[in-house]
């Protein structure tokens, strides 16, 4: 299993981007939240059967990353700057894709940045109704080779089933929840609330 930091360690080719990480407890969410504002970089796209070609990273986009309490998952909602009305509410950003990593556990580095142990299995969903499960073959191979115990293997499959039942049966509701959390975080940032981690160069602003 690979260990990955939530600031993404330049894996996607971005440099000097703002990273904001806090603990959030509100009516709709309890857990860790981080934001990455993609201040530079060319657009990169994924293809989906229903949604077609959609942007997942590029200048102007925002990634909202969520690790809910009592769950073994990292939710990454990828936002593009585009007004959208969802269930009667209008938002300045719309979700292009939601990528959910099944994880073993969450840790923290000495600089305060959260990191997770990736457990291979992933679920991708789009507002158009795509629901895809990725890397089941890698999970099976890790179990076959003895890297994962039977309990770890079964836990990964159970978490995957929970992700599908809790997030994919009503994708519009899931999209609205992510937008509401992003709005809460924007208000907290604009009000000057201090984050747990706030790495940003002096000439940048988090969330324009």
N, C-alpha and C. Protein backbone atom coordinates (compact mmCIF):
# COMPACT_ATOMS: atom_id res chain seq x y z
N UNK A 1 0.84 -1.19 0.00
CA UNK A 1 0.00 0.00 0.00
C UNK A 1 0.88 1.25 0.00
N UNK A 2 0.48 2.25 -0.75
CA UNK A 2 1.24 3.49 -0.86
C UNK A 2 0.73 4.54 0.11
N UNK A 3 1.66 5.34 0.59
CA UNK A 3 1.32 6.45 1.48
C UNK A 3 1.32 7.74 0.67
N UNK A 4 0.23 8.51 0.74
CA UNK A 4 0.09 9.70 -0.08
C UNK A 4 -0.35 10.88 0.79
N UNK A 5 0.32 12.02 0.60
CA UNK A 5 -0.05 13.24 1.32
C UNK A 5 -1.22 13.94 0.63
N UNK A 6 -2.03 14.61 1.43
CA UNK A 6 -3.18 15.29 0.86
C UNK A 6 -2.80 16.54 0.08
N UNK A 7 -1.58 17.04 0.27
CA UNK A 7 -1.16 18.18 -0.57
C UNK A 7 -0.68 17.70 -1.94
N UNK A 8 -0.71 16.40 -2.14
CA UNK A 8 -0.45 15.74 -3.43
C UNK A 8 1.00 15.73 -3.87
N UNK A 9 1.91 16.35 -3.12
CA UNK A 9 3.35 16.19 -3.37
C UNK A 9 3.76 16.46 -4.82
N UNK A 10 3.11 17.39 -5.46
CA UNK A 10 3.43 17.76 -6.85
C UNK A 10 3.18 16.63 -7.84
N UNK A 11 2.46 15.59 -7.41
CA UNK A 11 2.22 14.44 -8.29
C UNK A 11 1.52 14.85 -9.58
N UNK A 12 0.66 15.87 -9.49
CA UNK A 12 -0.12 16.28 -10.65
C UNK A 12 0.58 17.38 -11.45
N UNK A 13 1.82 17.73 -11.09
CA UNK A 13 2.57 18.70 -11.87
C UNK A 13 2.36 20.14 -11.49
N UNK A 14 1.71 20.41 -10.34
CA UNK A 14 1.50 21.78 -9.91
C UNK A 14 2.58 22.18 -8.91
N UNK A 15 2.91 23.47 -8.90
CA UNK A 15 3.87 24.00 -7.94
C UNK A 15 3.33 25.28 -7.33
N UNK A 16 3.67 25.47 -6.06
CA UNK A 16 3.35 26.71 -5.35
C UNK A 16 1.84 26.95 -5.25
N UNK A 17 1.06 25.89 -5.16
CA UNK A 17 -0.38 26.08 -5.04
C UNK A 17 -0.78 26.18 -3.57
N UNK A 18 -1.84 26.94 -3.26
CA UNK A 18 -2.32 27.06 -1.89
C UNK A 18 -2.91 25.75 -1.38
N UNK A 19 -2.58 25.40 -0.17
CA UNK A 19 -3.13 24.21 0.48
C UNK A 19 -3.65 24.61 1.85
N UNK A 20 -4.88 24.27 2.13
CA UNK A 20 -5.55 24.69 3.36
C UNK A 20 -6.18 23.45 4.00
N UNK A 21 -5.91 23.24 5.26
CA UNK A 21 -6.37 22.01 5.94
C UNK A 21 -6.92 22.34 7.32
N UNK A 22 -8.15 21.89 7.58
CA UNK A 22 -8.78 22.17 8.87
C UNK A 22 -9.62 20.97 9.31
N UNK A 23 -10.03 21.05 10.56
CA UNK A 23 -11.04 20.15 11.10
C UNK A 23 -12.39 20.88 10.99
N UNK A 24 -13.41 20.20 10.45
CA UNK A 24 -14.72 20.83 10.30
C UNK A 24 -15.78 19.99 11.02
N UNK A 25 -16.54 20.65 11.86
CA UNK A 25 -17.68 20.03 12.54
C UNK A 25 -18.88 20.93 12.34
N UNK A 26 -19.86 20.47 11.57
CA UNK A 26 -21.06 21.25 11.30
C UNK A 26 -22.23 20.27 11.13
N UNK A 27 -23.37 20.82 10.80
CA UNK A 27 -24.58 19.99 10.70
C UNK A 27 -24.46 18.91 9.63
N UNK A 28 -23.77 19.22 8.55
CA UNK A 28 -23.74 18.27 7.42
C UNK A 28 -22.46 17.46 7.34
N UNK A 29 -21.46 17.76 8.18
CA UNK A 29 -20.17 17.07 8.04
C UNK A 29 -19.35 17.15 9.31
N UNK A 30 -18.68 16.03 9.61
CA UNK A 30 -17.71 15.97 10.70
C UNK A 30 -16.47 15.24 10.18
N UNK A 31 -15.33 15.92 10.21
CA UNK A 31 -14.11 15.27 9.76
C UNK A 31 -13.07 16.26 9.29
N UNK A 32 -12.04 15.73 8.62
CA UNK A 32 -10.96 16.54 8.09
C UNK A 32 -11.35 17.09 6.72
N UNK A 33 -10.97 18.34 6.48
CA UNK A 33 -11.21 18.97 5.18
C UNK A 33 -9.90 19.62 4.71
N UNK A 34 -9.58 19.46 3.45
CA UNK A 34 -8.47 20.22 2.87
C UNK A 34 -8.90 20.77 1.52
N UNK A 35 -8.33 21.91 1.19
CA UNK A 35 -8.58 22.55 -0.11
C UNK A 35 -7.27 22.74 -0.84
N UNK A 36 -7.28 22.46 -2.13
CA UNK A 36 -6.16 22.79 -3.01
C UNK A 36 -6.71 23.68 -4.11
N UNK A 37 -6.18 24.89 -4.20
CA UNK A 37 -6.54 25.79 -5.29
C UNK A 37 -5.49 25.67 -6.38
N UNK A 38 -5.91 25.27 -7.56
CA UNK A 38 -4.98 25.05 -8.65
C UNK A 38 -4.75 26.37 -9.38
N UNK A 39 -3.69 27.05 -8.99
CA UNK A 39 -3.42 28.39 -9.49
C UNK A 39 -2.66 28.39 -10.82
N UNK A 40 -2.27 27.22 -11.28
CA UNK A 40 -1.52 27.13 -12.53
C UNK A 40 -1.68 25.73 -13.09
N UNK A 41 -1.23 25.55 -14.31
CA UNK A 41 -1.23 24.22 -14.92
C UNK A 41 -2.25 24.08 -16.03
N UNK A 42 -1.89 23.29 -17.04
CA UNK A 42 -2.80 23.01 -18.15
C UNK A 42 -3.90 22.06 -17.71
N UNK A 43 -5.00 22.10 -18.44
CA UNK A 43 -6.13 21.23 -18.10
C UNK A 43 -5.83 19.79 -18.49
N UNK A 44 -6.26 18.90 -17.61
CA UNK A 44 -6.13 17.46 -17.85
C UNK A 44 -7.52 16.86 -17.74
N UNK A 45 -7.84 15.91 -18.62
CA UNK A 45 -9.21 15.40 -18.73
C UNK A 45 -9.28 13.89 -18.55
N UNK A 46 -10.41 13.43 -18.03
CA UNK A 46 -10.75 12.02 -18.00
C UNK A 46 -11.99 11.81 -18.86
N UNK A 47 -12.12 10.62 -19.43
CA UNK A 47 -13.29 10.27 -20.23
C UNK A 47 -14.20 9.34 -19.44
N UNK A 48 -15.49 9.63 -19.50
CA UNK A 48 -16.50 8.82 -18.83
C UNK A 48 -17.58 8.42 -19.82
N UNK A 49 -18.21 7.25 -19.63
CA UNK A 49 -19.25 6.79 -20.56
C UNK A 49 -20.42 7.77 -20.71
N UNK A 50 -20.88 8.37 -19.61
CA UNK A 50 -22.03 9.27 -19.65
C UNK A 50 -21.62 10.74 -19.73
N UNK A 51 -20.67 11.14 -18.92
CA UNK A 51 -20.27 12.55 -18.86
C UNK A 51 -19.36 12.95 -20.01
N UNK A 52 -18.72 11.97 -20.65
CA UNK A 52 -17.78 12.27 -21.71
C UNK A 52 -16.47 12.80 -21.17
N UNK A 53 -15.86 13.73 -21.88
CA UNK A 53 -14.56 14.28 -21.51
C UNK A 53 -14.77 15.40 -20.49
N UNK A 54 -14.21 15.23 -19.28
CA UNK A 54 -14.38 16.24 -18.24
C UNK A 54 -13.03 16.64 -17.65
N UNK A 55 -12.95 17.87 -17.21
CA UNK A 55 -11.71 18.38 -16.61
C UNK A 55 -11.60 17.89 -15.18
N UNK A 56 -10.40 17.44 -14.81
CA UNK A 56 -10.15 17.01 -13.42
C UNK A 56 -9.06 17.84 -12.75
N UNK A 57 -8.26 18.56 -13.52
CA UNK A 57 -7.29 19.48 -12.94
C UNK A 57 -6.91 20.51 -13.98
N UNK A 58 -6.48 21.67 -13.50
CA UNK A 58 -6.10 22.76 -14.37
C UNK A 58 -6.30 24.09 -13.67
N UNK A 59 -5.70 25.12 -14.20
CA UNK A 59 -5.73 26.44 -13.60
C UNK A 59 -7.17 26.91 -13.34
N UNK A 60 -7.41 27.35 -12.12
CA UNK A 60 -8.73 27.85 -11.75
C UNK A 60 -9.62 26.85 -11.05
N UNK A 61 -9.24 25.57 -11.09
CA UNK A 61 -10.04 24.54 -10.43
C UNK A 61 -9.70 24.47 -8.93
N UNK A 62 -10.59 23.86 -8.18
CA UNK A 62 -10.39 23.63 -6.75
C UNK A 62 -10.67 22.17 -6.44
N UNK A 63 -9.80 21.57 -5.65
CA UNK A 63 -10.05 20.23 -5.13
C UNK A 63 -10.45 20.33 -3.67
N UNK A 64 -11.60 19.79 -3.35
CA UNK A 64 -12.06 19.68 -1.97
C UNK A 64 -11.84 18.23 -1.53
N UNK A 65 -11.03 18.03 -0.49
CA UNK A 65 -10.73 16.68 -0.03
C UNK A 65 -11.32 16.47 1.37
N UNK A 66 -12.05 15.38 1.52
CA UNK A 66 -12.78 15.10 2.76
C UNK A 66 -12.42 13.72 3.29
N UNK A 67 -12.13 13.66 4.59
CA UNK A 67 -11.97 12.37 5.27
C UNK A 67 -12.99 12.36 6.41
N UNK A 68 -14.18 11.82 6.17
CA UNK A 68 -15.23 11.84 7.19
C UNK A 68 -14.87 10.95 8.38
N UNK A 69 -15.33 11.35 9.57
CA UNK A 69 -15.12 10.54 10.76
C UNK A 69 -15.75 9.16 10.58
N UNK A 70 -15.09 8.16 11.16
CA UNK A 70 -15.59 6.77 11.20
C UNK A 70 -15.76 6.17 9.80
N UNK A 71 -15.01 6.71 8.84
CA UNK A 71 -15.01 6.14 7.49
C UNK A 71 -13.57 5.90 7.06
N UNK A 72 -13.37 4.95 6.19
CA UNK A 72 -12.04 4.68 5.65
C UNK A 72 -12.01 5.05 4.18
N UNK A 73 -12.18 6.37 3.96
CA UNK A 73 -12.21 6.87 2.58
C UNK A 73 -11.71 8.30 2.51
N UNK A 74 -11.11 8.65 1.39
CA UNK A 74 -10.76 10.03 1.06
C UNK A 74 -11.59 10.43 -0.14
N UNK A 75 -12.44 11.44 0.05
CA UNK A 75 -13.29 11.95 -1.02
C UNK A 75 -12.63 13.17 -1.63
N UNK A 76 -12.41 13.16 -2.93
CA UNK A 76 -11.87 14.33 -3.63
C UNK A 76 -12.90 14.81 -4.63
N UNK A 77 -13.51 15.96 -4.32
CA UNK A 77 -14.46 16.58 -5.25
C UNK A 77 -13.70 17.63 -6.06
N UNK A 78 -13.73 17.48 -7.37
CA UNK A 78 -12.99 18.36 -8.27
C UNK A 78 -13.95 19.39 -8.85
N UNK A 79 -13.71 20.68 -8.53
CA UNK A 79 -14.61 21.76 -8.91
C UNK A 79 -14.04 22.58 -10.05
N UNK A 80 -14.93 23.00 -10.96
CA UNK A 80 -14.56 23.94 -12.00
C UNK A 80 -15.35 25.23 -11.77
N UNK A 81 -14.77 26.40 -12.10
CA UNK A 81 -15.47 27.66 -11.90
C UNK A 81 -16.61 27.82 -12.91
N UNK A 82 -17.82 27.52 -12.47
CA UNK A 82 -18.98 27.54 -13.37
C UNK A 82 -20.23 27.60 -12.51
N UNK A 83 -21.07 28.61 -12.73
CA UNK A 83 -22.31 28.72 -11.96
C UNK A 83 -23.22 27.54 -12.26
N UNK A 84 -23.78 26.96 -11.19
CA UNK A 84 -24.66 25.81 -11.37
C UNK A 84 -25.71 25.80 -10.27
N UNK A 85 -26.94 25.50 -10.66
CA UNK A 85 -28.04 25.38 -9.69
C UNK A 85 -28.27 23.91 -9.38
N UNK A 86 -28.21 23.58 -8.09
CA UNK A 86 -28.39 22.19 -7.65
C UNK A 86 -29.45 22.17 -6.56
N UNK A 87 -30.55 21.51 -6.82
CA UNK A 87 -31.64 21.37 -5.85
C UNK A 87 -32.07 22.73 -5.29
N UNK A 88 -32.17 23.71 -6.18
CA UNK A 88 -32.66 25.03 -5.81
C UNK A 88 -31.62 26.00 -5.32
N UNK A 89 -30.38 25.57 -5.18
CA UNK A 89 -29.31 26.45 -4.73
C UNK A 89 -28.31 26.68 -5.85
N UNK A 90 -27.85 27.94 -6.00
CA UNK A 90 -26.88 28.28 -7.04
C UNK A 90 -25.50 28.44 -6.43
N UNK A 91 -24.52 27.80 -7.06
CA UNK A 91 -23.14 27.81 -6.57
C UNK A 91 -22.22 28.36 -7.64
N UNK A 92 -21.10 29.03 -7.23
CA UNK A 92 -20.16 29.56 -8.22
C UNK A 92 -19.24 28.50 -8.82
N UNK A 93 -19.25 27.31 -8.23
CA UNK A 93 -18.45 26.20 -8.74
C UNK A 93 -19.35 24.99 -8.96
N UNK A 94 -18.99 24.17 -9.93
CA UNK A 94 -19.72 22.91 -10.13
C UNK A 94 -18.74 21.74 -10.08
N UNK A 95 -19.22 20.59 -9.66
CA UNK A 95 -18.39 19.40 -9.55
C UNK A 95 -18.24 18.76 -10.93
N UNK A 96 -17.01 18.53 -11.33
CA UNK A 96 -16.79 17.81 -12.58
C UNK A 96 -16.70 16.31 -12.33
N UNK A 97 -16.08 15.94 -11.21
CA UNK A 97 -15.88 14.53 -10.88
C UNK A 97 -15.64 14.40 -9.38
N UNK A 98 -16.06 13.28 -8.82
CA UNK A 98 -15.74 12.94 -7.44
C UNK A 98 -14.99 11.62 -7.44
N UNK A 99 -13.81 11.63 -6.84
CA UNK A 99 -12.94 10.45 -6.81
C UNK A 99 -12.80 10.04 -5.35
N UNK A 100 -13.12 8.80 -5.04
CA UNK A 100 -13.10 8.33 -3.66
C UNK A 100 -12.09 7.19 -3.52
N UNK A 101 -11.06 7.43 -2.72
CA UNK A 101 -10.05 6.42 -2.42
C UNK A 101 -10.45 5.64 -1.17
N UNK A 102 -10.44 4.33 -1.26
CA UNK A 102 -10.55 3.51 -0.05
C UNK A 102 -9.18 3.53 0.62
N UNK A 103 -9.16 3.78 1.93
CA UNK A 103 -7.87 3.91 2.60
C UNK A 103 -7.80 3.01 3.83
N UNK A 104 -6.58 2.72 4.23
CA UNK A 104 -6.33 1.91 5.42
C UNK A 104 -6.40 2.78 6.67
N UNK A 105 -5.73 3.96 6.64
CA UNK A 105 -5.74 4.85 7.79
C UNK A 105 -5.24 6.22 7.39
N UNK A 106 -5.44 7.18 8.30
CA UNK A 106 -4.99 8.55 8.11
C UNK A 106 -3.87 8.84 9.09
N UNK A 107 -2.84 9.54 8.61
CA UNK A 107 -1.70 9.91 9.45
C UNK A 107 -1.39 11.38 9.24
N UNK A 108 -0.43 11.90 10.03
CA UNK A 108 -0.02 13.30 9.88
C UNK A 108 1.50 13.38 9.89
N UNK A 109 2.05 14.17 8.95
CA UNK A 109 3.49 14.39 8.92
C UNK A 109 3.89 15.47 9.92
N UNK A 110 5.19 15.66 10.09
CA UNK A 110 5.68 16.62 11.07
C UNK A 110 5.26 18.05 10.75
N UNK A 111 5.03 18.35 9.47
CA UNK A 111 4.60 19.70 9.11
C UNK A 111 3.10 19.89 9.24
N UNK A 112 2.40 18.86 9.72
CA UNK A 112 0.96 18.96 9.95
C UNK A 112 0.09 18.49 8.80
N UNK A 113 0.68 18.24 7.65
CA UNK A 113 -0.10 17.81 6.49
C UNK A 113 -0.55 16.36 6.67
N UNK A 114 -1.83 16.12 6.41
CA UNK A 114 -2.39 14.77 6.53
C UNK A 114 -1.91 13.89 5.37
N UNK A 115 -1.78 12.60 5.67
CA UNK A 115 -1.42 11.61 4.65
C UNK A 115 -2.26 10.37 4.89
N UNK A 116 -2.55 9.64 3.81
CA UNK A 116 -3.37 8.44 3.96
C UNK A 116 -2.66 7.25 3.32
N UNK A 117 -3.00 6.08 3.83
CA UNK A 117 -2.49 4.83 3.27
C UNK A 117 -3.53 4.31 2.28
N UNK A 118 -3.17 4.36 1.01
CA UNK A 118 -4.09 4.01 -0.07
C UNK A 118 -4.30 2.49 -0.12
N UNK A 119 -5.56 2.09 -0.17
CA UNK A 119 -5.89 0.66 -0.16
C UNK A 119 -6.41 0.19 -1.52
N UNK A 120 -5.82 0.74 -2.57
CA UNK A 120 -6.03 0.30 -3.94
C UNK A 120 -7.40 0.66 -4.52
N UNK A 121 -8.47 0.23 -3.91
CA UNK A 121 -9.79 0.33 -4.50
C UNK A 121 -10.26 1.79 -4.55
N UNK A 122 -10.85 2.20 -5.68
CA UNK A 122 -11.33 3.57 -5.86
C UNK A 122 -12.71 3.54 -6.51
N UNK A 123 -13.48 4.58 -6.23
CA UNK A 123 -14.79 4.76 -6.87
C UNK A 123 -14.81 6.15 -7.50
N UNK A 124 -15.18 6.23 -8.78
CA UNK A 124 -15.30 7.50 -9.47
C UNK A 124 -16.77 7.73 -9.84
N UNK A 125 -17.26 8.95 -9.60
CA UNK A 125 -18.63 9.27 -9.97
C UNK A 125 -18.69 10.67 -10.55
N UNK A 126 -19.67 10.90 -11.41
CA UNK A 126 -19.88 12.22 -12.01
C UNK A 126 -21.33 12.63 -11.83
N UNK A 127 -21.61 13.94 -11.90
CA UNK A 127 -22.99 14.41 -11.80
C UNK A 127 -23.91 13.86 -12.89
N UNK A 128 -23.32 13.37 -13.98
CA UNK A 128 -24.13 12.81 -15.07
C UNK A 128 -24.57 11.37 -14.78
N UNK A 129 -24.08 10.79 -13.68
CA UNK A 129 -24.52 9.45 -13.31
C UNK A 129 -23.51 8.34 -13.50
N UNK A 130 -22.28 8.67 -13.88
CA UNK A 130 -21.24 7.64 -13.99
C UNK A 130 -20.86 7.14 -12.60
N UNK A 131 -20.73 5.84 -12.45
CA UNK A 131 -20.21 5.22 -11.23
C UNK A 131 -19.26 4.11 -11.67
N UNK A 132 -17.96 4.30 -11.42
CA UNK A 132 -16.95 3.35 -11.87
C UNK A 132 -16.10 2.91 -10.69
N UNK A 133 -15.77 1.62 -10.63
CA UNK A 133 -14.88 1.08 -9.61
C UNK A 133 -13.54 0.79 -10.27
N UNK A 134 -12.47 1.36 -9.71
CA UNK A 134 -11.13 1.20 -10.27
C UNK A 134 -10.25 0.35 -9.38
N UNK A 135 -9.28 -0.31 -10.01
CA UNK A 135 -8.17 -1.00 -9.34
C UNK A 135 -8.60 -2.18 -8.48
N UNK A 136 -9.72 -2.83 -8.83
CA UNK A 136 -10.09 -4.06 -8.13
C UNK A 136 -9.03 -5.14 -8.37
N UNK A 137 -8.43 -5.13 -9.55
CA UNK A 137 -7.40 -6.11 -9.85
C UNK A 137 -6.18 -5.93 -8.96
N UNK A 138 -5.82 -4.67 -8.65
CA UNK A 138 -4.68 -4.42 -7.77
C UNK A 138 -4.99 -4.86 -6.34
N UNK A 139 -6.22 -4.65 -5.91
CA UNK A 139 -6.63 -5.12 -4.58
C UNK A 139 -6.54 -6.63 -4.50
N UNK A 140 -7.06 -7.33 -5.51
CA UNK A 140 -7.04 -8.79 -5.52
C UNK A 140 -5.60 -9.31 -5.53
N UNK A 141 -4.73 -8.65 -6.31
CA UNK A 141 -3.34 -9.08 -6.39
C UNK A 141 -2.62 -8.87 -5.06
N UNK A 142 -2.91 -7.75 -4.38
CA UNK A 142 -2.29 -7.49 -3.08
C UNK A 142 -2.70 -8.54 -2.06
N UNK A 143 -3.93 -8.99 -2.13
CA UNK A 143 -4.40 -10.05 -1.22
C UNK A 143 -3.76 -11.39 -1.59
N UNK A 144 -3.68 -11.67 -2.88
CA UNK A 144 -3.09 -12.93 -3.34
C UNK A 144 -1.63 -13.04 -2.93
N UNK A 145 -0.91 -11.90 -2.99
CA UNK A 145 0.52 -11.90 -2.66
C UNK A 145 0.79 -11.81 -1.16
N UNK A 146 -0.23 -11.66 -0.37
CA UNK A 146 -0.05 -11.60 1.08
C UNK A 146 0.21 -10.21 1.63
N UNK A 147 0.12 -9.18 0.77
CA UNK A 147 0.32 -7.82 1.27
C UNK A 147 -0.84 -7.39 2.16
N UNK A 148 -2.03 -7.89 1.84
CA UNK A 148 -3.22 -7.60 2.63
C UNK A 148 -3.71 -8.87 3.30
N UNK A 149 -4.16 -8.73 4.55
CA UNK A 149 -4.79 -9.85 5.24
C UNK A 149 -6.22 -10.02 4.73
N UNK A 150 -6.84 -11.13 5.08
CA UNK A 150 -8.24 -11.35 4.69
C UNK A 150 -9.12 -10.26 5.29
N UNK A 151 -8.84 -9.85 6.50
CA UNK A 151 -9.63 -8.81 7.15
C UNK A 151 -9.47 -7.47 6.42
N UNK A 152 -8.24 -7.12 6.03
CA UNK A 152 -8.02 -5.88 5.30
C UNK A 152 -8.70 -5.91 3.93
N UNK A 153 -8.62 -7.05 3.28
CA UNK A 153 -9.25 -7.22 1.97
C UNK A 153 -10.76 -7.06 2.07
N UNK A 154 -11.36 -7.74 3.04
CA UNK A 154 -12.81 -7.66 3.22
C UNK A 154 -13.24 -6.25 3.63
N UNK A 155 -12.44 -5.59 4.45
CA UNK A 155 -12.75 -4.22 4.86
C UNK A 155 -12.78 -3.27 3.67
N UNK A 156 -11.86 -3.47 2.73
CA UNK A 156 -11.82 -2.62 1.54
C UNK A 156 -13.08 -2.80 0.70
N UNK A 157 -13.51 -4.04 0.53
CA UNK A 157 -14.73 -4.31 -0.24
C UNK A 157 -15.96 -3.77 0.46
N UNK A 158 -15.99 -3.87 1.79
CA UNK A 158 -17.11 -3.34 2.56
C UNK A 158 -17.19 -1.82 2.42
N UNK A 159 -16.03 -1.15 2.52
CA UNK A 159 -16.01 0.30 2.39
C UNK A 159 -16.45 0.72 0.99
N UNK A 160 -16.03 -0.01 -0.02
CA UNK A 160 -16.44 0.28 -1.39
C UNK A 160 -17.96 0.20 -1.53
N UNK A 161 -18.55 -0.84 -0.96
CA UNK A 161 -20.01 -1.00 -1.00
C UNK A 161 -20.70 0.16 -0.29
N UNK A 162 -20.13 0.60 0.83
CA UNK A 162 -20.72 1.71 1.57
C UNK A 162 -20.64 3.02 0.77
N UNK A 163 -19.51 3.22 0.09
CA UNK A 163 -19.35 4.42 -0.74
C UNK A 163 -20.43 4.46 -1.81
N UNK A 164 -20.66 3.33 -2.45
CA UNK A 164 -21.66 3.28 -3.52
C UNK A 164 -23.06 3.52 -2.96
N UNK A 165 -23.40 2.90 -1.84
CA UNK A 165 -24.74 3.05 -1.28
C UNK A 165 -24.96 4.43 -0.69
N UNK A 166 -23.93 5.03 -0.11
CA UNK A 166 -24.08 6.32 0.56
C UNK A 166 -23.89 7.52 -0.35
N UNK A 167 -23.12 7.36 -1.42
CA UNK A 167 -22.78 8.51 -2.26
C UNK A 167 -23.32 8.43 -3.69
N UNK A 168 -23.58 7.23 -4.17
CA UNK A 168 -23.88 7.06 -5.59
C UNK A 168 -25.36 6.81 -5.89
N UNK A 169 -26.17 6.54 -4.89
CA UNK A 169 -27.58 6.30 -5.15
C UNK A 169 -28.33 7.61 -5.41
N UNK A 170 -27.81 8.71 -4.88
CA UNK A 170 -28.37 10.04 -5.15
C UNK A 170 -27.19 10.99 -5.38
N UNK A 171 -26.68 10.99 -6.60
CA UNK A 171 -25.48 11.75 -6.91
C UNK A 171 -25.73 13.25 -6.80
N UNK A 172 -26.92 13.70 -7.15
CA UNK A 172 -27.22 15.13 -7.02
C UNK A 172 -27.11 15.58 -5.57
N UNK A 173 -27.60 14.77 -4.65
CA UNK A 173 -27.49 15.09 -3.23
C UNK A 173 -26.03 15.12 -2.79
N UNK A 174 -25.24 14.19 -3.28
CA UNK A 174 -23.81 14.15 -2.97
C UNK A 174 -23.10 15.39 -3.50
N UNK A 175 -23.43 15.79 -4.72
CA UNK A 175 -22.84 16.99 -5.32
C UNK A 175 -23.20 18.23 -4.50
N UNK A 176 -24.45 18.34 -4.10
CA UNK A 176 -24.89 19.49 -3.31
C UNK A 176 -24.17 19.53 -1.97
N UNK A 177 -24.00 18.39 -1.34
CA UNK A 177 -23.30 18.34 -0.05
C UNK A 177 -21.87 18.83 -0.19
N UNK A 178 -21.19 18.41 -1.26
CA UNK A 178 -19.82 18.87 -1.50
C UNK A 178 -19.78 20.37 -1.74
N UNK A 179 -20.74 20.90 -2.50
CA UNK A 179 -20.81 22.34 -2.74
C UNK A 179 -21.07 23.10 -1.45
N UNK A 180 -21.94 22.58 -0.60
CA UNK A 180 -22.24 23.24 0.67
C UNK A 180 -21.01 23.28 1.57
N UNK A 181 -20.25 22.18 1.60
CA UNK A 181 -19.03 22.15 2.41
C UNK A 181 -18.01 23.14 1.87
N UNK A 182 -17.88 23.21 0.54
CA UNK A 182 -16.95 24.17 -0.05
C UNK A 182 -17.36 25.60 0.32
N UNK A 183 -18.66 25.89 0.29
CA UNK A 183 -19.13 27.23 0.67
C UNK A 183 -18.80 27.55 2.12
N UNK A 184 -18.98 26.56 3.00
CA UNK A 184 -18.64 26.76 4.41
C UNK A 184 -17.17 27.09 4.56
N UNK A 185 -16.32 26.35 3.84
CA UNK A 185 -14.89 26.58 3.94
C UNK A 185 -14.51 27.95 3.37
N UNK A 186 -15.15 28.36 2.28
CA UNK A 186 -14.86 29.68 1.70
C UNK A 186 -15.18 30.78 2.70
N UNK A 187 -16.30 30.64 3.41
CA UNK A 187 -16.68 31.65 4.40
C UNK A 187 -15.71 31.67 5.57
N UNK A 188 -15.26 30.49 5.99
CA UNK A 188 -14.31 30.43 7.10
C UNK A 188 -12.98 31.06 6.70
N UNK A 189 -12.56 30.80 5.49
CA UNK A 189 -11.29 31.36 5.02
C UNK A 189 -11.40 32.88 4.89
N UNK A 190 -12.49 33.35 4.28
CA UNK A 190 -12.64 34.80 4.08
C UNK A 190 -12.81 35.55 5.39
N UNK A 191 -13.30 34.86 6.44
CA UNK A 191 -13.46 35.51 7.74
C UNK A 191 -12.15 35.58 8.52
N UNK A 192 -11.11 34.94 7.98
CA UNK A 192 -9.79 35.00 8.61
C UNK A 192 -9.53 33.92 9.63
N UNK A 193 -10.37 32.91 9.69
CA UNK A 193 -10.14 31.82 10.64
C UNK A 193 -8.83 31.11 10.32
N UNK A 194 -8.05 30.84 11.35
CA UNK A 194 -6.74 30.23 11.16
C UNK A 194 -6.87 28.73 10.90
N UNK A 195 -6.21 28.25 9.87
CA UNK A 195 -6.25 26.81 9.56
C UNK A 195 -5.24 26.03 10.38
N UNK A 196 -5.37 24.71 10.37
CA UNK A 196 -4.34 23.85 10.96
C UNK A 196 -3.06 23.97 10.14
N UNK A 197 -3.21 23.92 8.83
CA UNK A 197 -2.08 24.07 7.91
C UNK A 197 -2.49 25.05 6.83
N UNK A 198 -1.65 26.02 6.54
CA UNK A 198 -1.93 26.99 5.50
C UNK A 198 -0.63 27.32 4.79
N UNK A 199 -0.30 26.57 3.75
CA UNK A 199 0.94 26.80 3.02
C UNK A 199 0.62 27.55 1.74
N UNK A 200 1.09 28.79 1.65
CA UNK A 200 0.75 29.62 0.51
C UNK A 200 1.84 30.68 0.34
N UNK A 201 2.18 30.97 -0.90
CA UNK A 201 3.18 32.01 -1.11
C UNK A 201 2.54 33.39 -0.87
N UNK A 202 3.33 34.38 -0.58
CA UNK A 202 2.81 35.66 -0.15
C UNK A 202 2.02 36.38 -1.24
N UNK A 203 2.28 36.09 -2.49
CA UNK A 203 1.59 36.81 -3.55
C UNK A 203 0.35 36.08 -4.06
N UNK A 204 -0.13 35.09 -3.29
CA UNK A 204 -1.32 34.35 -3.69
C UNK A 204 -2.41 34.54 -2.65
N UNK A 205 -3.65 34.28 -3.08
CA UNK A 205 -4.79 34.29 -2.16
C UNK A 205 -5.51 32.96 -2.30
N UNK A 206 -6.03 32.45 -1.19
CA UNK A 206 -6.83 31.23 -1.23
C UNK A 206 -8.24 31.59 -1.62
N UNK A 207 -8.74 30.98 -2.65
CA UNK A 207 -10.10 31.17 -3.13
C UNK A 207 -10.36 32.63 -3.49
N UNK A 208 -10.30 32.94 -4.74
CA UNK A 208 -10.52 34.32 -5.20
C UNK A 208 -11.97 34.72 -4.98
